[in-house]
Amino acid sequence: MIVVEEPRQATTDLPESQGANAEALIKEARQHQRRRWLIVIAVVLIVAVASGIWAASDGRSTTKPPAPSKVTQVKTAGLSGSTGTRHANPLSLVGTWRVIGSGQRRAPLASIGSLGLVVWTACGWMSGEWNADRQGLFAGILSGGVPACASSYANLNPPWLAATGYKGAGRDELLLGADGRVLARLVPSRVPPSYAKDMSPDYLHPVVTPQVRKVLLQVSRPLPAGLVPASGKQLLGRWVPAKASPGHAPHQPYLLLNADGVWSGSDGCNGLGGRWSLGTGGTILVAAGPQTAMLCTGITFVGEWLVQATRAGFHGRTLVVVNAAGKVTGRLRKA
């Protein structure tokens, strides 16, 4: 907007001859002002006409606002087996974030990077693992931290980490539940100096490393011929190795996949756990959580079968998990 001030009239009394000259000068200034306004109006009209011609050439109406671009709905598979997106970028999750809508009085701060997941809250810091893929699946779990935060498993993992998917929202990232509902918004932030004590620089300033790029952007081969992609409901329950282990582990190895996205189990000696989510075509995403580290013989690495898997399918009633290279990592049956 152009603002032109009206010239102010003098308030001092002048002699008659000088007053006449002053009136002439004022009259001349007003004429110049009118000419300037005519020029401005002409320029505005020219620009408006040019804009209308450009809009018409672009196929848009000058009397209606441009139609909003079509928004691609991002659905996460979670445990429902719904269609996922193939345009998600898991590398966009690497960074430090303020977690908005977390249900906590003070929004926690999260670091997502090559070393894993760190969350700072009022009780201190907690650490764990995360995973994501190009289909829009996400899995994250906290497994340790300062004693004030790690006093109980329930307090360790906040509700927003039950997310099974993600999608971009400008500079922000949204964490989504199995039903597509937004659980939290990740807003770019910085780690304050008070949080930096005894913390690795990789947590304070996470970057996309070649290893992270390789893992998150890996292309998962389709299921081998003869396997039917698994759905979420089919995977729920307790699973044991399809063939008995020849060893003599203290306990029977098993995997338990729950509807809330948590998995647990045993290799026959050590307790295992983490989070999982399922996408289209049998795509499965797994994050490993806490586990014990007892030394036993004759164990079956069922946890590694699951963590390495990127696809899950069925051969009859046998559950077959497959890695990104298309190699079968394990076979299980319903217990």
Protein backbone atom coordinates (compact mmCIF):
# COMPACT_ATOMS: atom_id res chain seq x y z
CA MET A 1 0.00 0.00 0.00
CA ILE A 2 1.34 3.47 -0.96
CA VAL A 3 0.55 6.24 1.49
CA VAL A 4 0.89 9.86 0.34
CA GLU A 5 0.56 12.58 2.93
CA GLU A 6 -1.45 15.66 2.09
CA PRO A 7 0.80 18.74 2.24
CA ARG A 8 0.15 20.66 5.41
CA GLN A 9 -0.99 24.26 5.14
CA ALA A 10 1.09 26.82 6.94
CA THR A 11 -0.45 28.26 10.07
CA THR A 12 1.77 31.37 10.20
CA ASP A 13 0.19 34.54 8.83
CA LEU A 14 2.01 35.79 5.71
CA PRO A 15 1.96 39.09 3.82
CA GLU A 16 -0.60 39.22 1.01
CA SER A 17 1.99 38.91 -1.78
CA GLN A 18 3.72 35.99 -0.13
CA GLY A 19 0.36 34.39 0.63
CA ALA A 20 -0.56 34.51 -3.06
CA ASN A 21 2.74 32.90 -4.00
CA ALA A 22 2.21 30.22 -1.36
CA GLU A 23 -1.26 29.44 -2.71
CA ALA A 24 0.18 29.09 -6.19
CA LEU A 25 2.86 26.72 -4.96
CA ILE A 26 0.29 24.65 -3.09
CA LYS A 27 -1.94 24.50 -6.18
CA GLU A 28 0.99 23.41 -8.32
CA ALA A 29 2.00 20.74 -5.77
CA ARG A 30 -1.52 19.36 -5.74
CA GLN A 31 -1.50 19.13 -9.53
CA HIS A 32 1.78 17.17 -9.39
CA GLN A 33 0.24 14.93 -6.74
CA ARG A 34 -2.80 14.19 -8.93
CA ARG A 35 -0.52 13.31 -11.85
CA ARG A 36 1.46 10.93 -9.62
CA TRP A 37 -1.73 9.19 -8.48
CA LEU A 38 -2.86 8.82 -12.12
CA ILE A 39 0.47 7.16 -12.92
CA VAL A 40 0.16 4.83 -9.92
CA ILE A 41 -3.40 3.85 -10.86
CA ALA A 42 -2.31 3.17 -14.44
CA VAL A 43 0.51 0.92 -13.27
CA VAL A 44 -1.85 -1.00 -10.98
CA LEU A 45 -4.32 -1.54 -13.82
CA ILE A 46 -1.55 -2.76 -16.13
CA VAL A 47 -0.30 -5.23 -13.52
CA ALA A 48 -3.83 -6.49 -12.82
CA VAL A 49 -4.51 -7.05 -16.52
CA ALA A 50 -1.17 -8.82 -16.95
CA SER A 51 -1.91 -11.03 -13.95
CA GLY A 52 -5.28 -11.94 -15.40
CA ILE A 53 -3.72 -12.85 -18.74
CA TRP A 54 -1.12 -15.04 -16.96
CA ALA A 55 -3.75 -16.73 -14.82
CA ALA A 56 -5.89 -17.43 -17.87
CA SER A 57 -2.90 -18.91 -19.68
CA ASP A 58 -2.30 -21.12 -16.65
CA GLY A 59 -5.85 -22.40 -16.83
CA ARG A 60 -6.97 -20.63 -13.64
CA SER A 61 -9.83 -18.24 -13.07
CA THR A 62 -9.07 -14.72 -11.81
CA THR A 63 -12.36 -14.62 -9.93
CA LYS A 64 -11.93 -17.88 -8.02
CA PRO A 65 -9.14 -18.99 -5.68
CA PRO A 66 -6.86 -21.71 -7.11
CA ALA A 67 -8.10 -25.18 -6.35
CA PRO A 68 -6.08 -26.84 -3.60
CA SER A 69 -3.71 -29.53 -4.77
CA LYS A 70 -4.93 -33.04 -4.19
CA VAL A 71 -3.75 -34.32 -0.82
CA THR A 72 -2.57 -37.91 -0.80
CA GLN A 73 -3.92 -39.58 2.31
CA VAL A 74 -1.22 -41.49 4.12
CA LYS A 75 -2.54 -44.58 5.80
CA THR A 76 -0.44 -46.67 8.07
CA ALA A 77 -0.80 -50.38 8.09
CA GLY A 78 -0.37 -50.85 11.80
CA LEU A 79 -2.14 -54.08 12.60
CA SER A 80 -5.09 -53.53 10.32
CA GLY A 81 -3.44 -54.34 7.01
CA SER A 82 -4.63 -51.09 5.38
CA THR A 83 -2.87 -49.57 2.38
CA GLY A 84 0.35 -47.72 3.17
CA THR A 85 2.10 -44.93 1.30
CA ARG A 86 5.08 -45.55 -0.98
CA HIS A 87 6.21 -41.92 -0.92
CA ALA A 88 7.36 -41.57 2.67
CA ASN A 89 10.94 -40.54 3.43
CA PRO A 90 12.27 -42.16 6.63
CA LEU A 91 15.41 -39.98 6.47
CA SER A 92 13.22 -36.97 7.31
CA LEU A 93 12.78 -38.38 10.83
CA VAL A 94 16.48 -37.94 11.64
CA GLY A 95 16.90 -34.86 13.85
CA THR A 96 15.98 -33.35 17.19
CA TRP A 97 12.30 -32.71 17.84
CA ARG A 98 9.89 -31.20 20.33
CA VAL A 99 7.09 -33.75 20.74
CA ILE A 100 3.80 -31.82 20.72
CA GLY A 101 0.58 -33.49 21.82
CA SER A 102 2.40 -36.10 23.85
CA GLY A 103 -0.07 -35.89 26.73
CA GLN A 104 2.59 -34.61 29.09
CA ARG A 105 2.50 -31.26 30.83
CA ARG A 106 5.83 -30.26 29.31
CA ALA A 107 6.47 -31.41 25.75
CA PRO A 108 9.45 -33.80 25.76
CA LEU A 109 12.45 -33.45 23.47
CA ALA A 110 13.44 -36.36 21.24
CA SER A 111 16.60 -37.16 19.30
CA ILE A 112 16.28 -39.61 16.41
CA GLY A 113 19.54 -40.63 14.79
CA SER A 114 22.09 -43.26 13.91
CA LEU A 115 22.70 -44.26 17.53
CA GLY A 116 19.04 -44.77 18.28
CA LEU A 117 16.33 -42.86 20.09
CA VAL A 118 16.78 -40.56 23.09
CA VAL A 119 13.93 -38.75 24.86
CA TRP A 120 14.38 -36.05 27.51
CA THR A 121 11.49 -35.48 29.93
CA ALA A 122 11.04 -33.99 33.38
CA CYS A 123 12.52 -37.13 34.97
CA GLY A 124 15.66 -37.11 32.81
CA TRP A 125 16.68 -38.98 29.66
CA MET A 126 15.64 -42.34 28.27
CA SER A 127 17.12 -44.27 25.35
CA GLY A 128 16.00 -46.95 22.96
CA GLU A 129 15.67 -47.95 19.31
CA TRP A 130 13.61 -46.87 16.32
CA ASN A 131 12.96 -47.97 12.76
CA ALA A 132 11.05 -46.63 9.75
CA ASP A 133 10.62 -47.43 6.07
CA ARG A 134 9.54 -45.90 2.78
CA GLN A 135 6.02 -47.30 3.12
CA GLY A 136 5.40 -44.95 6.04
CA LEU A 137 5.78 -47.52 8.83
CA PHE A 138 7.37 -46.55 12.14
CA ALA A 139 8.37 -48.41 15.30
CA GLY A 140 10.10 -47.03 18.37
CA ILE A 141 10.74 -48.25 21.89
CA LEU A 142 12.62 -47.02 24.95
CA SER A 143 14.56 -49.58 26.94
CA GLY A 144 16.74 -47.71 29.45
CA GLY A 145 17.68 -44.40 30.99
CA VAL A 146 18.31 -42.68 34.28
CA PRO A 147 16.85 -44.47 37.33
CA ALA A 148 14.21 -41.79 37.86
CA CYS A 149 12.73 -42.58 34.42
CA ALA A 150 13.48 -46.29 34.26
CA SER A 151 11.73 -47.15 37.53
CA SER A 152 8.90 -48.89 35.68
CA TYR A 153 8.27 -50.19 32.16
CA ALA A 154 4.93 -48.39 31.98
CA ASN A 155 6.53 -45.00 32.60
CA LEU A 156 9.36 -45.73 30.22
CA ASN A 157 7.29 -45.78 27.02
CA PRO A 158 4.86 -42.88 26.57
CA PRO A 159 1.64 -43.32 24.55
CA TRP A 160 2.98 -41.42 21.52
CA LEU A 161 5.64 -44.13 21.03
CA ALA A 162 2.81 -46.55 20.26
CA ALA A 163 2.91 -44.99 16.77
CA THR A 164 3.01 -47.46 13.89
CA GLY A 165 3.38 -44.90 11.11
CA TYR A 166 4.53 -41.40 10.19
CA LYS A 167 4.05 -38.76 7.52
CA GLY A 168 5.51 -35.36 6.74
CA ALA A 169 3.67 -32.11 7.44
CA GLY A 170 5.86 -29.33 6.09
CA ARG A 171 8.94 -29.12 8.28
CA ASP A 172 7.17 -31.19 10.94
CA GLU A 173 6.60 -34.93 11.11
CA LEU A 174 3.45 -36.62 12.37
CA LEU A 175 3.46 -39.89 14.30
CA LEU A 176 0.34 -41.95 13.58
CA GLY A 177 -1.49 -44.71 15.36
CA ALA A 178 -2.67 -47.95 13.75
CA ASP A 179 -5.99 -46.26 12.93
CA GLY A 180 -4.26 -43.31 11.22
CA ARG A 181 -4.93 -40.95 14.13
CA VAL A 182 -2.19 -38.41 14.90
CA LEU A 183 -0.52 -39.31 18.20
CA ALA A 184 2.08 -36.54 18.21
CA ARG A 185 3.62 -33.81 16.09
CA LEU A 186 7.40 -33.60 15.87
CA VAL A 187 8.50 -29.97 15.60
CA PRO A 188 12.16 -29.20 14.76
CA SER A 189 14.04 -28.08 17.85
CA ARG A 190 17.48 -27.94 19.47
CA VAL A 191 18.89 -29.69 22.49
CA PRO A 192 19.51 -27.11 25.25
CA PRO A 193 22.99 -26.98 26.82
CA SER A 194 21.60 -28.33 30.11
CA TYR A 195 20.79 -31.64 28.36
CA ALA A 196 24.19 -31.97 26.71
CA LYS A 197 26.18 -33.15 29.74
CA ASP A 198 27.71 -36.62 29.24
CA MET A 199 25.73 -37.05 26.03
CA SER A 200 27.22 -38.15 22.70
CA PRO A 201 27.35 -35.40 20.03
CA ASP A 202 25.50 -37.80 17.71
CA TYR A 203 22.46 -37.51 19.99
CA LEU A 204 22.73 -33.72 20.20
CA HIS A 205 23.15 -33.19 16.46
CA PRO A 206 21.90 -36.31 14.65
CA VAL A 207 22.73 -36.50 10.96
CA VAL A 208 21.96 -38.89 8.13
CA THR A 209 24.96 -41.20 7.92
CA PRO A 210 25.65 -43.56 4.99
CA GLN A 211 24.70 -46.51 7.21
CA VAL A 212 21.39 -44.94 8.20
CA ARG A 213 20.65 -44.15 4.56
CA LYS A 214 21.45 -47.72 3.54
CA VAL A 215 19.23 -49.26 6.21
CA LEU A 216 16.22 -46.95 5.94
CA LEU A 217 16.17 -46.76 2.14
CA GLN A 218 16.83 -50.43 1.46
CA VAL A 219 14.60 -51.94 -1.20
CA SER A 220 12.81 -54.97 0.16
CA ARG A 221 12.31 -57.76 -2.35
CA PRO A 222 8.82 -59.24 -2.70
CA LEU A 223 7.92 -62.42 -0.90
CA PRO A 224 9.24 -65.59 -2.55
CA ALA A 225 6.82 -67.40 -4.84
CA GLY A 226 4.31 -69.56 -3.05
CA LEU A 227 4.00 -67.33 0.03
CA VAL A 228 0.82 -65.40 0.83
CA PRO A 229 1.35 -61.94 2.40
CA ALA A 230 0.45 -61.88 6.07
CA SER A 231 -2.21 -59.64 7.56
CA GLY A 232 -2.15 -58.13 11.03
CA LYS A 233 -4.78 -60.39 12.57
CA GLN A 234 -3.04 -63.49 11.22
CA LEU A 235 0.18 -62.55 13.00
CA LEU A 236 -1.33 -62.03 16.44
CA GLY A 237 -0.56 -64.66 19.05
CA ARG A 238 2.22 -66.94 20.21
CA TRP A 239 4.61 -68.53 17.70
CA VAL A 240 7.26 -71.22 18.12
CA PRO A 241 9.89 -72.50 15.65
CA ALA A 242 8.36 -74.73 13.00
CA LYS A 243 11.09 -77.30 13.65
CA ALA A 244 12.26 -78.23 17.11
CA SER A 245 15.76 -77.09 17.99
CA PRO A 246 18.31 -79.89 18.39
CA GLY A 247 19.80 -78.08 21.40
CA HIS A 248 18.80 -78.27 25.05
CA ALA A 249 17.80 -74.71 25.97
CA PRO A 250 16.23 -74.19 29.41
CA HIS A 251 12.94 -73.05 27.89
CA GLN A 252 11.03 -73.33 24.64
CA PRO A 253 11.81 -70.41 22.30
CA TYR A 254 8.80 -68.39 21.20
CA LEU A 255 7.56 -65.03 19.87
CA LEU A 256 4.40 -63.28 21.05
CA LEU A 257 2.93 -60.61 18.75
CA ASN A 258 0.34 -58.39 20.44
CA ALA A 259 -2.35 -56.19 18.92
CA ASP A 260 -0.90 -53.08 20.61
CA GLY A 261 2.24 -53.35 18.46
CA VAL A 262 4.41 -54.85 21.20
CA TRP A 263 6.26 -58.11 20.68
CA SER A 264 8.03 -60.25 23.27
CA GLY A 265 9.52 -63.69 23.49
CA SER A 266 12.47 -65.85 24.41
CA ASP A 267 15.32 -67.54 22.55
CA GLY A 268 15.08 -70.36 25.07
CA CYS A 269 17.23 -68.52 27.58
CA ASN A 270 16.93 -64.73 27.30
CA GLY A 271 13.86 -62.55 27.36
CA LEU A 272 13.27 -60.46 24.21
CA GLY A 273 10.96 -57.64 23.21
CA GLY A 274 10.26 -54.60 21.04
CA ARG A 275 7.65 -53.09 18.76
CA TRP A 276 6.34 -54.02 15.33
CA SER A 277 4.02 -52.79 12.59
CA LEU A 278 2.75 -54.31 9.37
CA GLY A 279 2.26 -52.74 5.94
CA THR A 280 1.03 -53.83 2.54
CA GLY A 281 2.35 -56.88 0.71
CA GLY A 282 3.37 -58.47 3.98
CA THR A 283 5.82 -55.65 4.77
CA ILE A 284 6.83 -55.83 8.42
CA LEU A 285 8.84 -53.32 10.43
CA VAL A 286 10.46 -54.23 13.73
CA ALA A 287 12.35 -52.35 16.44
CA ALA A 288 14.24 -54.33 19.07
CA GLY A 289 13.77 -53.44 22.72
CA PRO A 290 15.27 -54.65 25.98
CA GLN A 291 16.55 -58.18 26.40
CA THR A 292 18.56 -60.13 28.91
CA ALA A 293 22.07 -61.37 28.17
CA MET A 294 22.43 -64.79 29.79
CA LEU A 295 24.81 -67.32 28.23
CA CYS A 296 23.07 -70.56 27.31
CA THR A 297 23.58 -73.33 24.79
CA GLY A 298 21.06 -74.67 22.34
CA ILE A 299 19.17 -71.41 21.90
CA THR A 300 17.16 -70.51 18.78
CA PHE A 301 17.57 -66.95 17.56
CA VAL A 302 13.88 -66.24 17.02
CA GLY A 303 14.39 -62.60 18.00
CA GLU A 304 16.93 -62.13 15.23
CA TRP A 305 14.57 -63.83 12.80
CA LEU A 306 12.00 -61.16 13.51
CA VAL A 307 14.30 -58.14 13.76
CA GLN A 308 15.96 -58.92 10.42
CA ALA A 309 12.64 -59.50 8.67
CA THR A 310 11.16 -57.01 6.20
CA ARG A 311 8.39 -59.29 4.90
CA ALA A 312 6.08 -61.86 6.47
CA GLY A 313 4.05 -64.44 4.61
CA PHE A 314 2.37 -67.80 4.99
CA HIS A 315 3.06 -71.14 3.43
CA GLY A 316 -0.09 -72.91 4.47
CA ARG A 317 -0.19 -72.38 8.24
CA THR A 318 3.55 -71.83 8.58
CA LEU A 319 4.65 -68.23 9.16
CA VAL A 320 7.71 -67.40 7.08
CA VAL A 321 9.76 -64.25 7.77
CA VAL A 322 12.04 -62.93 5.02
CA ASN A 323 14.79 -60.27 5.02
CA ALA A 324 15.29 -57.44 2.50
CA ALA A 325 17.39 -59.66 0.22
CA GLY A 326 14.53 -62.15 -0.05
CA LYS A 327 16.20 -64.75 2.17
CA VAL A 328 14.07 -66.69 4.65
CA THR A 329 15.24 -65.89 8.18
CA GLY A 330 12.88 -68.21 10.03
CA ARG A 331 9.77 -70.38 9.98
CA LEU A 332 7.27 -70.52 12.83
CA ARG A 333 4.01 -72.21 13.69
CA LYS A 334 1.17 -71.15 15.97
CA ALA A 335 1.62 -72.50 19.48
